[in-house]
N, C-alpha and C. Protein backbone atom coordinates (compact mmCIF):
# COMPACT_ATOMS: atom_id res chain seq x y z
N MET A 1 36.07 28.49 -73.09
CA MET A 1 35.92 29.38 -74.24
C MET A 1 36.87 29.01 -75.37
N LEU A 2 38.03 28.51 -75.02
CA LEU A 2 38.98 28.11 -76.07
C LEU A 2 38.41 26.96 -76.89
N GLY A 3 37.54 26.18 -76.30
CA GLY A 3 36.92 25.08 -77.02
C GLY A 3 35.88 25.54 -78.03
N PHE A 4 35.50 26.82 -77.95
CA PHE A 4 34.51 27.37 -78.88
C PHE A 4 35.17 28.30 -79.90
N GLN A 5 36.50 28.21 -80.02
CA GLN A 5 37.23 29.11 -80.92
C GLN A 5 36.82 28.92 -82.37
N LEU A 6 36.81 30.05 -83.08
CA LEU A 6 36.63 30.03 -84.53
C LEU A 6 38.00 30.10 -85.19
N ASP A 7 38.12 29.51 -86.35
CA ASP A 7 39.38 29.50 -87.08
C ASP A 7 39.50 30.78 -87.90
N ILE A 8 40.30 31.72 -87.41
CA ILE A 8 40.48 32.98 -88.12
C ILE A 8 41.96 33.18 -88.42
N LYS A 9 42.24 34.07 -89.38
CA LYS A 9 43.61 34.25 -89.84
C LYS A 9 44.38 35.29 -89.02
N LYS A 10 43.68 36.20 -88.36
CA LYS A 10 44.36 37.23 -87.60
C LYS A 10 45.08 36.62 -86.39
N LYS A 11 46.39 36.85 -86.34
CA LYS A 11 47.22 36.19 -85.33
C LYS A 11 46.89 36.64 -83.92
N TYR A 12 46.56 37.91 -83.76
CA TYR A 12 46.36 38.44 -82.42
C TYR A 12 44.90 38.82 -82.14
N GLU A 13 44.00 37.97 -82.65
CA GLU A 13 42.60 38.05 -82.28
C GLU A 13 42.09 36.65 -82.02
N LEU A 14 41.24 36.55 -81.02
CA LEU A 14 40.61 35.27 -80.69
C LEU A 14 39.11 35.48 -80.74
N TRP A 15 38.42 34.65 -81.51
CA TRP A 15 36.96 34.72 -81.61
C TRP A 15 36.38 33.39 -81.12
N SER A 16 35.36 33.48 -80.28
CA SER A 16 34.68 32.28 -79.79
C SER A 16 33.19 32.41 -80.04
N LEU A 17 32.60 31.32 -80.47
CA LEU A 17 31.16 31.31 -80.72
C LEU A 17 30.45 30.83 -79.47
N VAL A 18 29.89 31.77 -78.72
CA VAL A 18 29.18 31.44 -77.49
C VAL A 18 27.77 32.02 -77.60
N GLY A 19 26.91 31.26 -78.23
CA GLY A 19 25.56 31.76 -78.45
C GLY A 19 25.38 32.11 -79.92
N PRO A 20 24.43 32.99 -80.22
CA PRO A 20 24.12 33.30 -81.60
C PRO A 20 25.19 34.12 -82.31
N GLU A 21 26.02 34.84 -81.55
CA GLU A 21 27.02 35.69 -82.16
C GLU A 21 28.39 35.42 -81.54
N PRO A 22 29.46 35.50 -82.34
CA PRO A 22 30.81 35.31 -81.80
C PRO A 22 31.25 36.51 -80.98
N VAL A 23 32.14 36.27 -80.03
CA VAL A 23 32.71 37.35 -79.23
C VAL A 23 34.21 37.39 -79.47
N ARG A 24 34.78 38.58 -79.42
CA ARG A 24 36.18 38.78 -79.77
C ARG A 24 37.03 39.08 -78.55
N PHE A 25 38.24 38.56 -78.57
CA PHE A 25 39.26 38.92 -77.59
C PHE A 25 40.47 39.42 -78.37
N SER A 26 40.74 40.71 -78.28
CA SER A 26 41.85 41.32 -78.99
C SER A 26 42.56 42.28 -78.05
N LEU A 27 43.52 43.02 -78.57
CA LEU A 27 44.25 43.99 -77.75
C LEU A 27 43.30 45.02 -77.15
N LEU A 28 42.26 45.40 -77.88
CA LEU A 28 41.30 46.39 -77.38
C LEU A 28 40.57 45.87 -76.15
N GLU A 29 40.09 44.63 -76.23
CA GLU A 29 39.40 44.03 -75.08
C GLU A 29 40.36 43.84 -73.91
N PHE A 30 41.58 43.42 -74.20
CA PHE A 30 42.57 43.21 -73.15
C PHE A 30 42.86 44.53 -72.42
N GLU A 31 43.03 45.59 -73.18
CA GLU A 31 43.29 46.90 -72.57
C GLU A 31 42.12 47.35 -71.71
N HIS A 32 40.90 47.15 -72.21
CA HIS A 32 39.71 47.54 -71.44
C HIS A 32 39.59 46.73 -70.15
N LEU A 33 39.85 45.44 -70.23
CA LEU A 33 39.67 44.56 -69.07
C LEU A 33 40.72 44.79 -67.99
N THR A 34 41.96 45.09 -68.41
CA THR A 34 43.06 45.18 -67.45
C THR A 34 43.44 46.61 -67.06
N GLY A 35 43.17 47.57 -67.94
CA GLY A 35 43.59 48.94 -67.69
C GLY A 35 45.08 49.16 -67.86
N LEU A 36 45.78 48.18 -68.42
CA LEU A 36 47.23 48.29 -68.59
C LEU A 36 47.58 49.13 -69.81
N ASN A 37 48.79 49.68 -69.79
CA ASN A 37 49.31 50.47 -70.89
C ASN A 37 49.59 49.55 -72.08
N CYS A 38 48.88 49.76 -73.17
CA CYS A 38 49.03 48.91 -74.36
C CYS A 38 49.50 49.71 -75.58
N GLU A 39 50.17 50.82 -75.33
CA GLU A 39 50.63 51.66 -76.44
C GLU A 39 51.66 50.93 -77.30
N TYR A 40 51.72 51.35 -78.56
CA TYR A 40 52.70 50.77 -79.49
C TYR A 40 54.05 51.46 -79.35
N ILE A 41 55.10 50.66 -79.30
CA ILE A 41 56.46 51.17 -79.42
C ILE A 41 57.27 50.19 -80.26
N GLU A 42 58.31 50.68 -80.88
CA GLU A 42 59.18 49.80 -81.66
C GLU A 42 60.06 48.98 -80.73
N ASP A 43 60.49 47.83 -81.21
CA ASP A 43 61.36 46.94 -80.43
C ASP A 43 60.75 46.63 -79.06
N LEU A 44 59.46 46.35 -79.08
CA LEU A 44 58.73 46.13 -77.83
C LEU A 44 59.37 45.08 -76.94
N GLU A 45 59.77 43.95 -77.53
CA GLU A 45 60.26 42.84 -76.73
C GLU A 45 61.78 42.77 -76.66
N ARG A 46 62.45 43.68 -77.33
CA ARG A 46 63.92 43.72 -77.27
C ARG A 46 64.39 45.17 -77.08
N PRO A 47 64.00 45.79 -75.97
CA PRO A 47 64.41 47.17 -75.72
C PRO A 47 65.91 47.25 -75.43
N HIS A 48 66.50 48.37 -75.81
CA HIS A 48 67.93 48.54 -75.57
C HIS A 48 68.20 48.80 -74.09
N SER A 49 69.19 48.13 -73.57
CA SER A 49 69.63 48.37 -72.19
C SER A 49 71.12 48.10 -72.09
N VAL A 50 71.75 48.72 -71.12
CA VAL A 50 73.19 48.60 -70.93
C VAL A 50 73.46 47.81 -69.65
N VAL A 51 74.39 46.88 -69.74
CA VAL A 51 74.77 46.09 -68.56
C VAL A 51 75.76 46.91 -67.75
N THR A 52 75.26 47.57 -66.73
CA THR A 52 76.09 48.43 -65.88
C THR A 52 76.55 47.67 -64.64
N LYS A 53 77.45 48.29 -63.88
CA LYS A 53 77.88 47.68 -62.62
C LYS A 53 76.71 47.56 -61.65
N GLU A 54 75.81 48.55 -61.68
CA GLU A 54 74.65 48.52 -60.80
C GLU A 54 73.75 47.34 -61.15
N LEU A 55 73.55 47.11 -62.45
CA LEU A 55 72.73 45.98 -62.88
C LEU A 55 73.36 44.66 -62.47
N THR A 56 74.67 44.54 -62.72
CA THR A 56 75.38 43.31 -62.37
C THR A 56 75.27 43.03 -60.87
N SER A 57 75.41 44.08 -60.08
CA SER A 57 75.33 43.93 -58.63
C SER A 57 73.93 43.50 -58.19
N PHE A 58 72.91 44.11 -58.80
CA PHE A 58 71.53 43.76 -58.43
C PHE A 58 71.20 42.32 -58.84
N TRP A 59 71.67 41.91 -60.01
CA TRP A 59 71.43 40.53 -60.45
C TRP A 59 72.13 39.54 -59.52
N GLU A 60 73.29 39.91 -59.01
CA GLU A 60 73.97 39.05 -58.03
C GLU A 60 73.14 38.93 -56.76
N MET A 61 72.53 40.04 -56.33
CA MET A 61 71.67 40.00 -55.15
C MET A 61 70.46 39.09 -55.39
N LEU A 62 69.97 39.09 -56.63
CA LEU A 62 68.85 38.22 -56.97
C LEU A 62 69.25 36.75 -57.02
N GLY A 63 70.55 36.51 -57.22
CA GLY A 63 71.02 35.15 -57.39
C GLY A 63 70.76 34.63 -58.79
N VAL A 64 70.80 35.56 -59.77
CA VAL A 64 70.49 35.22 -61.16
C VAL A 64 71.69 35.55 -62.04
N HIS A 65 71.95 34.69 -63.03
CA HIS A 65 73.05 34.95 -63.97
C HIS A 65 72.75 36.23 -64.73
N VAL A 66 73.77 37.04 -64.95
CA VAL A 66 73.58 38.36 -65.54
C VAL A 66 73.02 38.30 -66.96
N GLU A 67 73.17 37.16 -67.62
CA GLU A 67 72.66 37.04 -69.00
C GLU A 67 71.28 36.36 -69.04
N ALA A 68 70.65 36.19 -67.89
CA ALA A 68 69.34 35.55 -67.83
C ALA A 68 68.35 36.44 -67.10
N GLY A 69 67.08 36.26 -67.41
CA GLY A 69 66.04 36.93 -66.66
C GLY A 69 65.62 36.07 -65.49
N PRO A 70 65.19 36.67 -64.39
CA PRO A 70 64.82 35.88 -63.21
C PRO A 70 63.56 35.06 -63.44
N SER A 71 63.50 33.92 -62.79
CA SER A 71 62.29 33.09 -62.80
C SER A 71 61.44 33.43 -61.58
N THR A 72 60.20 32.99 -61.58
CA THR A 72 59.35 33.19 -60.41
C THR A 72 59.96 32.54 -59.18
N GLN A 73 60.55 31.39 -59.36
CA GLN A 73 61.19 30.68 -58.25
C GLN A 73 62.29 31.52 -57.63
N GLU A 74 63.11 32.15 -58.47
CA GLU A 74 64.22 32.97 -57.98
C GLU A 74 63.72 34.25 -57.31
N ILE A 75 62.64 34.81 -57.82
CA ILE A 75 62.07 36.01 -57.21
C ILE A 75 61.51 35.69 -55.82
N ILE A 76 60.84 34.57 -55.69
CA ILE A 76 60.30 34.18 -54.38
C ILE A 76 61.43 33.98 -53.37
N ALA A 77 62.52 33.36 -53.83
CA ALA A 77 63.67 33.16 -52.94
C ALA A 77 64.26 34.50 -52.52
N ALA A 78 64.33 35.46 -53.45
CA ALA A 78 64.89 36.78 -53.14
C ALA A 78 63.99 37.54 -52.16
N LEU A 79 62.69 37.35 -52.26
CA LEU A 79 61.76 38.02 -51.36
C LEU A 79 61.98 37.62 -49.90
N GLU A 80 62.56 36.45 -49.69
CA GLU A 80 62.78 35.96 -48.34
C GLU A 80 64.05 36.52 -47.70
N ARG A 81 64.85 37.25 -48.50
CA ARG A 81 66.11 37.77 -47.95
C ARG A 81 66.35 39.24 -48.30
N CYS A 82 65.29 39.96 -48.62
CA CYS A 82 65.46 41.34 -49.12
C CYS A 82 65.27 42.41 -48.06
N GLU A 83 65.13 42.01 -46.81
CA GLU A 83 64.80 42.97 -45.76
C GLU A 83 65.82 44.11 -45.66
N GLY A 84 67.09 43.82 -45.87
CA GLY A 84 68.11 44.85 -45.73
C GLY A 84 68.43 45.60 -47.02
N TRP A 85 67.69 45.33 -48.08
CA TRP A 85 67.96 45.99 -49.36
C TRP A 85 67.49 47.44 -49.31
N SER A 86 68.02 48.24 -50.22
CA SER A 86 67.59 49.63 -50.32
C SER A 86 66.14 49.72 -50.80
N ARG A 87 65.54 50.89 -50.61
CA ARG A 87 64.15 51.06 -51.02
C ARG A 87 63.99 50.84 -52.52
N ASP A 88 64.89 51.38 -53.32
CA ASP A 88 64.80 51.21 -54.77
C ASP A 88 64.97 49.75 -55.18
N ASP A 89 65.88 49.05 -54.52
CA ASP A 89 66.09 47.64 -54.88
C ASP A 89 64.89 46.78 -54.48
N ARG A 90 64.26 47.12 -53.37
CA ARG A 90 63.06 46.38 -52.98
C ARG A 90 61.90 46.68 -53.95
N LYS A 91 61.86 47.92 -54.44
CA LYS A 91 60.85 48.26 -55.44
C LYS A 91 61.12 47.50 -56.73
N ARG A 92 62.38 47.41 -57.12
CA ARG A 92 62.74 46.64 -58.32
C ARG A 92 62.32 45.17 -58.16
N LEU A 93 62.54 44.63 -56.99
CA LEU A 93 62.17 43.24 -56.74
C LEU A 93 60.65 43.06 -56.85
N ALA A 94 59.90 44.01 -56.31
CA ALA A 94 58.43 43.93 -56.39
C ALA A 94 57.97 44.01 -57.84
N TYR A 95 58.59 44.89 -58.62
CA TYR A 95 58.22 45.00 -60.03
C TYR A 95 58.55 43.72 -60.79
N LEU A 96 59.68 43.13 -60.46
CA LEU A 96 60.04 41.87 -61.12
C LEU A 96 59.10 40.73 -60.73
N ALA A 97 58.56 40.79 -59.52
CA ALA A 97 57.58 39.78 -59.11
C ALA A 97 56.33 39.87 -59.99
N ILE A 98 55.91 41.09 -60.30
CA ILE A 98 54.77 41.28 -61.20
C ILE A 98 55.13 40.84 -62.60
N PHE A 99 56.33 41.20 -63.03
CA PHE A 99 56.78 40.84 -64.38
C PHE A 99 56.84 39.33 -64.58
N THR A 100 57.47 38.63 -63.64
CA THR A 100 57.62 37.18 -63.79
C THR A 100 56.30 36.46 -63.60
N GLY A 101 55.48 36.92 -62.66
CA GLY A 101 54.26 36.20 -62.31
C GLY A 101 53.06 36.46 -63.21
N TYR A 102 53.00 37.69 -63.78
CA TYR A 102 51.80 38.05 -64.53
C TYR A 102 52.08 38.48 -65.97
N ILE A 103 53.13 39.26 -66.20
CA ILE A 103 53.41 39.71 -67.56
C ILE A 103 53.91 38.55 -68.41
N GLU A 104 54.94 37.85 -67.91
CA GLU A 104 55.44 36.67 -68.61
C GLU A 104 54.64 35.43 -68.20
N GLY A 105 54.42 35.28 -66.91
CA GLY A 105 53.56 34.20 -66.41
C GLY A 105 53.93 32.81 -66.91
N ARG A 106 55.23 32.51 -66.88
CA ARG A 106 55.68 31.21 -67.40
C ARG A 106 55.81 30.20 -66.26
N LYS A 107 56.30 29.03 -66.61
CA LYS A 107 56.50 27.98 -65.62
C LYS A 107 57.36 28.49 -64.47
N TYR A 108 57.05 28.00 -63.28
CA TYR A 108 57.66 28.44 -62.03
C TYR A 108 59.18 28.62 -62.10
N SER A 109 59.85 27.68 -62.74
CA SER A 109 61.32 27.70 -62.77
C SER A 109 61.90 28.19 -64.09
N THR A 110 61.05 28.66 -65.00
CA THR A 110 61.52 29.09 -66.32
C THR A 110 62.03 30.53 -66.28
N PRO A 111 63.24 30.78 -66.77
CA PRO A 111 63.76 32.16 -66.80
C PRO A 111 62.89 33.05 -67.69
N THR A 112 62.80 34.32 -67.32
CA THR A 112 62.10 35.29 -68.16
C THR A 112 63.09 35.91 -69.13
N ARG A 113 62.60 36.77 -70.01
CA ARG A 113 63.47 37.38 -71.01
C ARG A 113 64.28 38.50 -70.39
N VAL A 114 65.58 38.37 -70.47
CA VAL A 114 66.47 39.31 -69.79
C VAL A 114 66.37 40.70 -70.38
N SER A 115 66.12 40.82 -71.68
CA SER A 115 66.05 42.14 -72.30
C SER A 115 64.94 42.99 -71.70
N LEU A 116 63.84 42.35 -71.29
CA LEU A 116 62.75 43.06 -70.65
C LEU A 116 62.98 43.23 -69.16
N ALA A 117 63.50 42.21 -68.51
CA ALA A 117 63.73 42.27 -67.06
C ALA A 117 64.72 43.38 -66.70
N ARG A 118 65.70 43.62 -67.57
CA ARG A 118 66.70 44.63 -67.29
C ARG A 118 66.15 46.05 -67.20
N LEU A 119 64.98 46.27 -67.76
CA LEU A 119 64.37 47.59 -67.71
C LEU A 119 64.13 48.05 -66.28
N VAL A 120 64.09 47.12 -65.35
CA VAL A 120 63.80 47.45 -63.96
C VAL A 120 64.89 48.33 -63.34
N MET A 121 66.05 48.36 -63.96
CA MET A 121 67.12 49.22 -63.44
C MET A 121 66.83 50.69 -63.65
N GLU A 122 65.96 51.00 -64.60
CA GLU A 122 65.50 52.37 -64.83
C GLU A 122 64.04 52.44 -64.40
N LEU A 123 63.81 52.79 -63.15
CA LEU A 123 62.48 52.64 -62.56
C LEU A 123 61.40 53.41 -63.32
N GLU A 124 61.67 54.64 -63.70
CA GLU A 124 60.66 55.43 -64.40
C GLU A 124 60.35 54.81 -65.77
N ARG A 125 61.37 54.35 -66.45
CA ARG A 125 61.16 53.71 -67.75
C ARG A 125 60.34 52.43 -67.59
N PHE A 126 60.66 51.68 -66.55
CA PHE A 126 59.91 50.44 -66.28
C PHE A 126 58.45 50.75 -66.00
N GLU A 127 58.20 51.77 -65.18
CA GLU A 127 56.84 52.11 -64.79
C GLU A 127 55.99 52.60 -65.96
N ASN A 128 56.63 53.18 -66.96
CA ASN A 128 55.89 53.73 -68.10
C ASN A 128 55.91 52.84 -69.34
N TYR A 129 56.49 51.66 -69.20
CA TYR A 129 56.60 50.76 -70.35
C TYR A 129 55.22 50.16 -70.66
N PRO A 130 54.91 49.92 -71.94
CA PRO A 130 53.61 49.33 -72.30
C PRO A 130 53.52 47.84 -71.98
N TRP A 131 53.52 47.52 -70.70
CA TRP A 131 53.51 46.13 -70.27
C TRP A 131 52.23 45.41 -70.68
N GLY A 132 51.15 46.18 -70.86
CA GLY A 132 49.92 45.55 -71.32
C GLY A 132 50.09 44.92 -72.69
N ARG A 133 50.81 45.61 -73.56
CA ARG A 133 51.05 45.07 -74.91
C ARG A 133 51.94 43.84 -74.85
N VAL A 134 52.95 43.88 -73.98
CA VAL A 134 53.82 42.72 -73.81
C VAL A 134 53.02 41.53 -73.29
N ALA A 135 52.21 41.77 -72.24
CA ALA A 135 51.43 40.69 -71.62
C ALA A 135 50.43 40.10 -72.61
N PHE A 136 49.81 40.95 -73.40
CA PHE A 136 48.84 40.48 -74.38
C PHE A 136 49.52 39.58 -75.42
N LYS A 137 50.68 39.98 -75.90
CA LYS A 137 51.38 39.19 -76.91
C LYS A 137 51.80 37.82 -76.34
N VAL A 138 52.30 37.81 -75.11
CA VAL A 138 52.67 36.54 -74.47
C VAL A 138 51.45 35.63 -74.38
N LEU A 139 50.33 36.19 -73.95
CA LEU A 139 49.11 35.42 -73.78
C LEU A 139 48.61 34.85 -75.10
N MET A 140 48.58 35.68 -76.13
CA MET A 140 48.06 35.23 -77.41
C MET A 140 48.99 34.22 -78.08
N ASP A 141 50.29 34.41 -77.93
CA ASP A 141 51.23 33.43 -78.47
C ASP A 141 51.05 32.08 -77.80
N SER A 142 50.60 32.10 -76.55
CA SER A 142 50.38 30.87 -75.80
C SER A 142 49.06 30.20 -76.17
N VAL A 143 48.05 31.00 -76.50
CA VAL A 143 46.70 30.48 -76.72
C VAL A 143 46.45 30.07 -78.16
N LYS A 144 46.87 30.90 -79.11
CA LYS A 144 46.54 30.66 -80.50
C LYS A 144 47.20 29.38 -81.02
N GLY A 145 46.40 28.56 -81.65
CA GLY A 145 46.92 27.34 -82.23
C GLY A 145 47.24 26.25 -81.24
N ARG A 146 46.82 26.42 -79.99
CA ARG A 146 47.11 25.44 -78.95
C ARG A 146 46.21 24.21 -79.10
N ASP A 147 46.80 23.04 -78.95
CA ASP A 147 46.03 21.80 -78.94
C ASP A 147 45.35 21.69 -77.58
N ILE A 148 44.03 21.82 -77.56
CA ILE A 148 43.29 21.82 -76.30
C ILE A 148 42.56 20.51 -76.06
N SER A 149 42.98 19.48 -76.79
CA SER A 149 42.31 18.18 -76.62
C SER A 149 42.70 17.51 -75.30
N GLY A 150 43.84 17.91 -74.73
CA GLY A 150 44.27 17.35 -73.45
C GLY A 150 44.58 18.47 -72.47
N CYS A 151 45.44 18.19 -71.50
CA CYS A 151 45.84 19.20 -70.53
C CYS A 151 46.83 20.17 -71.18
N TYR A 152 46.75 21.44 -70.82
CA TYR A 152 47.66 22.43 -71.38
C TYR A 152 47.83 23.57 -70.38
N THR A 153 48.91 24.32 -70.55
CA THR A 153 49.21 25.45 -69.68
C THR A 153 49.26 26.71 -70.51
N ILE A 154 48.67 27.78 -69.99
CA ILE A 154 48.67 29.07 -70.69
C ILE A 154 49.69 29.98 -70.01
N ASN A 155 50.56 30.58 -70.81
CA ASN A 155 51.50 31.57 -70.30
C ASN A 155 50.86 32.96 -70.32
N GLY A 156 51.43 33.86 -69.52
CA GLY A 156 50.98 35.24 -69.55
C GLY A 156 49.87 35.53 -68.56
N PHE A 157 49.21 36.66 -68.78
CA PHE A 157 48.18 37.17 -67.88
C PHE A 157 46.85 36.47 -68.17
N ALA A 158 46.78 35.20 -67.79
CA ALA A 158 45.61 34.37 -68.11
C ALA A 158 44.35 34.86 -67.40
N GLN A 159 44.51 35.61 -66.31
CA GLN A 159 43.34 36.12 -65.59
C GLN A 159 42.50 37.03 -66.47
N ALA A 160 43.14 37.69 -67.45
CA ALA A 160 42.39 38.56 -68.37
C ALA A 160 41.42 37.74 -69.20
N LEU A 161 41.84 36.55 -69.63
CA LEU A 161 40.95 35.67 -70.37
C LEU A 161 39.78 35.22 -69.50
N GLN A 162 40.07 34.95 -68.24
CA GLN A 162 39.02 34.51 -67.33
C GLN A 162 37.96 35.59 -67.16
N VAL A 163 38.39 36.84 -67.00
CA VAL A 163 37.43 37.93 -66.83
C VAL A 163 36.69 38.19 -68.14
N TRP A 164 37.36 37.99 -69.27
CA TRP A 164 36.68 38.10 -70.56
C TRP A 164 35.52 37.12 -70.64
N VAL A 165 35.74 35.90 -70.16
CA VAL A 165 34.67 34.90 -70.13
C VAL A 165 33.53 35.38 -69.24
N TYR A 166 33.85 35.93 -68.07
CA TYR A 166 32.82 36.41 -67.17
C TYR A 166 31.97 37.51 -67.80
N THR A 167 32.61 38.40 -68.56
CA THR A 167 31.86 39.50 -69.18
C THR A 167 31.09 39.02 -70.40
N ALA A 168 31.61 38.02 -71.11
CA ALA A 168 30.92 37.49 -72.29
C ALA A 168 29.73 36.63 -71.89
N LEU A 169 29.84 35.98 -70.73
CA LEU A 169 28.77 35.11 -70.21
C LEU A 169 28.39 35.60 -68.81
N PRO A 170 27.54 36.63 -68.74
CA PRO A 170 27.24 37.27 -67.45
C PRO A 170 26.72 36.32 -66.37
N GLU A 171 25.90 35.36 -66.76
CA GLU A 171 25.39 34.42 -65.75
C GLU A 171 26.52 33.59 -65.17
N LEU A 172 27.44 33.19 -66.00
CA LEU A 172 28.61 32.44 -65.53
C LEU A 172 29.44 33.32 -64.60
N GLY A 173 29.63 34.60 -65.00
CA GLY A 173 30.38 35.54 -64.17
C GLY A 173 29.75 35.73 -62.81
N ALA A 174 28.42 35.78 -62.78
CA ALA A 174 27.72 35.97 -61.52
C ALA A 174 27.85 34.75 -60.61
N THR A 175 27.92 33.56 -61.22
CA THR A 175 27.97 32.32 -60.44
C THR A 175 29.39 31.97 -60.02
N PHE A 176 30.33 32.02 -60.97
CA PHE A 176 31.69 31.58 -60.70
C PHE A 176 32.68 32.72 -60.46
N GLY A 177 32.35 33.91 -60.94
CA GLY A 177 33.28 35.03 -60.81
C GLY A 177 33.27 35.69 -59.46
N ASN A 178 32.16 35.47 -58.69
CA ASN A 178 32.02 36.11 -57.38
C ASN A 178 32.24 37.62 -57.51
N PRO A 179 31.40 38.31 -58.28
CA PRO A 179 31.59 39.74 -58.54
C PRO A 179 31.51 40.59 -57.28
N LEU A 180 32.31 41.65 -57.25
CA LEU A 180 32.32 42.57 -56.13
C LEU A 180 31.23 43.63 -56.30
N PRO A 181 30.76 44.20 -55.22
CA PRO A 181 29.74 45.25 -55.33
C PRO A 181 30.30 46.52 -55.96
N ASN A 182 29.42 47.33 -56.50
CA ASN A 182 29.76 48.65 -57.07
C ASN A 182 30.58 48.58 -58.35
N ASN A 183 30.73 47.39 -58.92
CA ASN A 183 31.34 47.24 -60.24
C ASN A 183 32.67 47.99 -60.37
N PRO A 184 33.71 47.59 -59.63
CA PRO A 184 35.01 48.28 -59.70
C PRO A 184 35.57 48.29 -61.12
N SER A 185 36.42 49.28 -61.40
CA SER A 185 37.04 49.40 -62.72
C SER A 185 38.55 49.47 -62.55
N PRO A 186 39.32 48.85 -63.48
CA PRO A 186 38.90 48.10 -64.65
C PRO A 186 38.26 46.76 -64.26
N PRO A 187 37.60 46.10 -65.21
CA PRO A 187 36.87 44.86 -64.90
C PRO A 187 37.70 43.76 -64.24
N ILE A 188 39.02 43.75 -64.45
CA ILE A 188 39.87 42.72 -63.84
C ILE A 188 39.78 42.78 -62.31
N LEU A 189 39.38 43.96 -61.77
CA LEU A 189 39.26 44.13 -60.33
C LEU A 189 37.85 43.87 -59.81
N ALA A 190 36.94 43.53 -60.72
CA ALA A 190 35.53 43.43 -60.35
C ALA A 190 35.11 42.04 -59.88
N TYR A 191 36.04 41.08 -59.91
CA TYR A 191 35.70 39.70 -59.55
C TYR A 191 36.72 39.13 -58.56
N LYS A 192 36.21 38.45 -57.55
CA LYS A 192 37.08 37.76 -56.62
C LYS A 192 37.45 36.38 -57.14
N GLY A 193 36.54 35.79 -57.92
CA GLY A 193 36.77 34.45 -58.45
C GLY A 193 36.57 33.40 -57.37
N ARG A 194 36.57 32.16 -57.82
CA ARG A 194 36.43 31.04 -56.90
C ARG A 194 37.37 29.93 -57.32
N LYS A 195 37.88 29.22 -56.35
CA LYS A 195 38.79 28.13 -56.64
C LYS A 195 38.03 26.92 -57.18
N GLY A 196 38.74 26.16 -57.99
CA GLY A 196 38.17 24.92 -58.49
C GLY A 196 37.48 25.08 -59.83
N ARG A 197 37.30 23.95 -60.51
CA ARG A 197 36.69 23.97 -61.83
C ARG A 197 35.42 23.12 -61.87
N ARG A 198 34.87 22.84 -60.70
CA ARG A 198 33.73 21.94 -60.62
C ARG A 198 32.56 22.49 -61.44
N GLN A 199 32.09 21.69 -62.38
CA GLN A 199 30.93 22.00 -63.22
C GLN A 199 31.11 23.28 -64.03
N PHE A 200 32.36 23.74 -64.20
CA PHE A 200 32.59 24.99 -64.93
C PHE A 200 32.24 24.82 -66.40
N LYS A 201 32.71 23.73 -67.00
CA LYS A 201 32.42 23.48 -68.41
C LYS A 201 30.93 23.35 -68.64
N GLU A 202 30.24 22.63 -67.73
CA GLU A 202 28.81 22.45 -67.87
C GLU A 202 28.08 23.78 -67.79
N ALA A 203 28.58 24.68 -66.93
CA ALA A 203 27.95 25.99 -66.79
C ALA A 203 28.10 26.82 -68.06
N ILE A 204 29.26 26.74 -68.69
CA ILE A 204 29.47 27.45 -69.95
C ILE A 204 28.51 26.92 -71.01
N LEU A 205 28.47 25.61 -71.16
CA LEU A 205 27.60 25.01 -72.16
C LEU A 205 26.14 25.37 -71.90
N SER A 206 25.75 25.39 -70.63
CA SER A 206 24.37 25.70 -70.28
C SER A 206 24.00 27.10 -70.73
N GLN A 207 24.88 28.08 -70.47
CA GLN A 207 24.54 29.44 -70.86
C GLN A 207 24.57 29.62 -72.37
N VAL A 208 25.53 28.95 -73.03
CA VAL A 208 25.60 29.02 -74.49
C VAL A 208 24.31 28.50 -75.11
N PHE A 209 23.88 27.31 -74.68
CA PHE A 209 22.67 26.71 -75.25
C PHE A 209 21.43 27.52 -74.90
N THR A 210 21.41 28.08 -73.68
CA THR A 210 20.27 28.92 -73.30
C THR A 210 20.19 30.15 -74.18
N SER A 211 21.36 30.75 -74.46
CA SER A 211 21.42 31.94 -75.31
C SER A 211 20.93 31.63 -76.72
N ILE A 212 21.39 30.50 -77.25
CA ILE A 212 20.98 30.09 -78.60
C ILE A 212 19.47 29.84 -78.64
N TRP A 213 18.97 29.10 -77.64
CA TRP A 213 17.54 28.77 -77.59
C TRP A 213 16.69 30.03 -77.50
N THR A 214 17.10 30.98 -76.64
CA THR A 214 16.34 32.22 -76.47
C THR A 214 16.30 33.02 -77.76
N THR A 215 17.44 33.08 -78.43
CA THR A 215 17.52 33.83 -79.68
C THR A 215 16.66 33.19 -80.76
N ASN A 216 16.74 31.88 -80.90
CA ASN A 216 15.95 31.18 -81.91
C ASN A 216 14.46 31.29 -81.62
N TRP A 217 14.10 31.18 -80.35
CA TRP A 217 12.70 31.28 -79.97
C TRP A 217 12.14 32.67 -80.26
N THR A 218 12.94 33.69 -79.95
CA THR A 218 12.52 35.07 -80.23
C THR A 218 12.38 35.30 -81.73
N THR A 219 13.35 34.78 -82.48
CA THR A 219 13.30 34.92 -83.93
C THR A 219 12.07 34.24 -84.51
N PHE A 220 11.75 33.06 -83.97
CA PHE A 220 10.59 32.29 -84.44
C PHE A 220 9.29 33.09 -84.28
N TRP A 221 9.15 33.74 -83.13
CA TRP A 221 7.89 34.44 -82.84
C TRP A 221 7.83 35.83 -83.45
N THR A 222 8.93 36.33 -83.95
CA THR A 222 8.93 37.67 -84.54
C THR A 222 9.03 37.65 -86.06
N THR A 223 9.06 36.44 -86.64
CA THR A 223 9.14 36.33 -88.10
C THR A 223 7.87 35.68 -88.66
C-alpha cells in the first residue's frame, strides 16, 4: 500500500490509490482499527514526571540507566528474572513490554523515550494515557516520506497498517489476513494473519486492477 501513496501535504494522513478511489489512513482510521485511546492532551510526548526513589529502584531492577527508556531487549531479559517481583512491579513490566514492542515498536536494542516510559510508575495514569495517539504519531513519522525503493523498517504499531490494508482490500484480507469468525471488534482482533510475504504484492496488484477494471466496465455500460 505504501507503494500506492499519493503525495499530500497533510503530515498525519496517508492516502493510497487502490482502485478507482483513494483510501485514507489517519488518526480516525487508526482509532477505529485499534480501539486505543487517541484523545488529545498537551505535551503528549513529554509528560511531566518526577524521578523518585521508587522509580530509580525499579529502573535498577530492569537493568536500565535511569536517564534512558528500556529497549525491547532489556524488557525480555527482565521478564526472565521477574518471578520474585511484587505484583505492581510485574504489572509495570508487562505494560513496558507493550510500550516497547507496540507503542514505540523500534529496533530490538534501541532505547525508548524515557519521558513516556516513566509514566509506568503511576499505574492509573499509565492505563488512562492516550497511547493510541502516541502510537499513531510514531507510526506516521516512520512511514511518511520514507524511501520505499529498497528494504525499510517501520517503527510503531505497524499491525494497524496491515489491518487497514485488509479492510481496504477485502479479497486480500480474506486470503492473507485469515479472518476470524463472527467479526471480532475492534478490527485489529479480527485477523490471525499469516506468516510470509509470498505473492503478497501480486495479490494487491491483482485486486487493484480488478477493482479498476470492474469500475470502468460498469461505467462504460451505464453511460
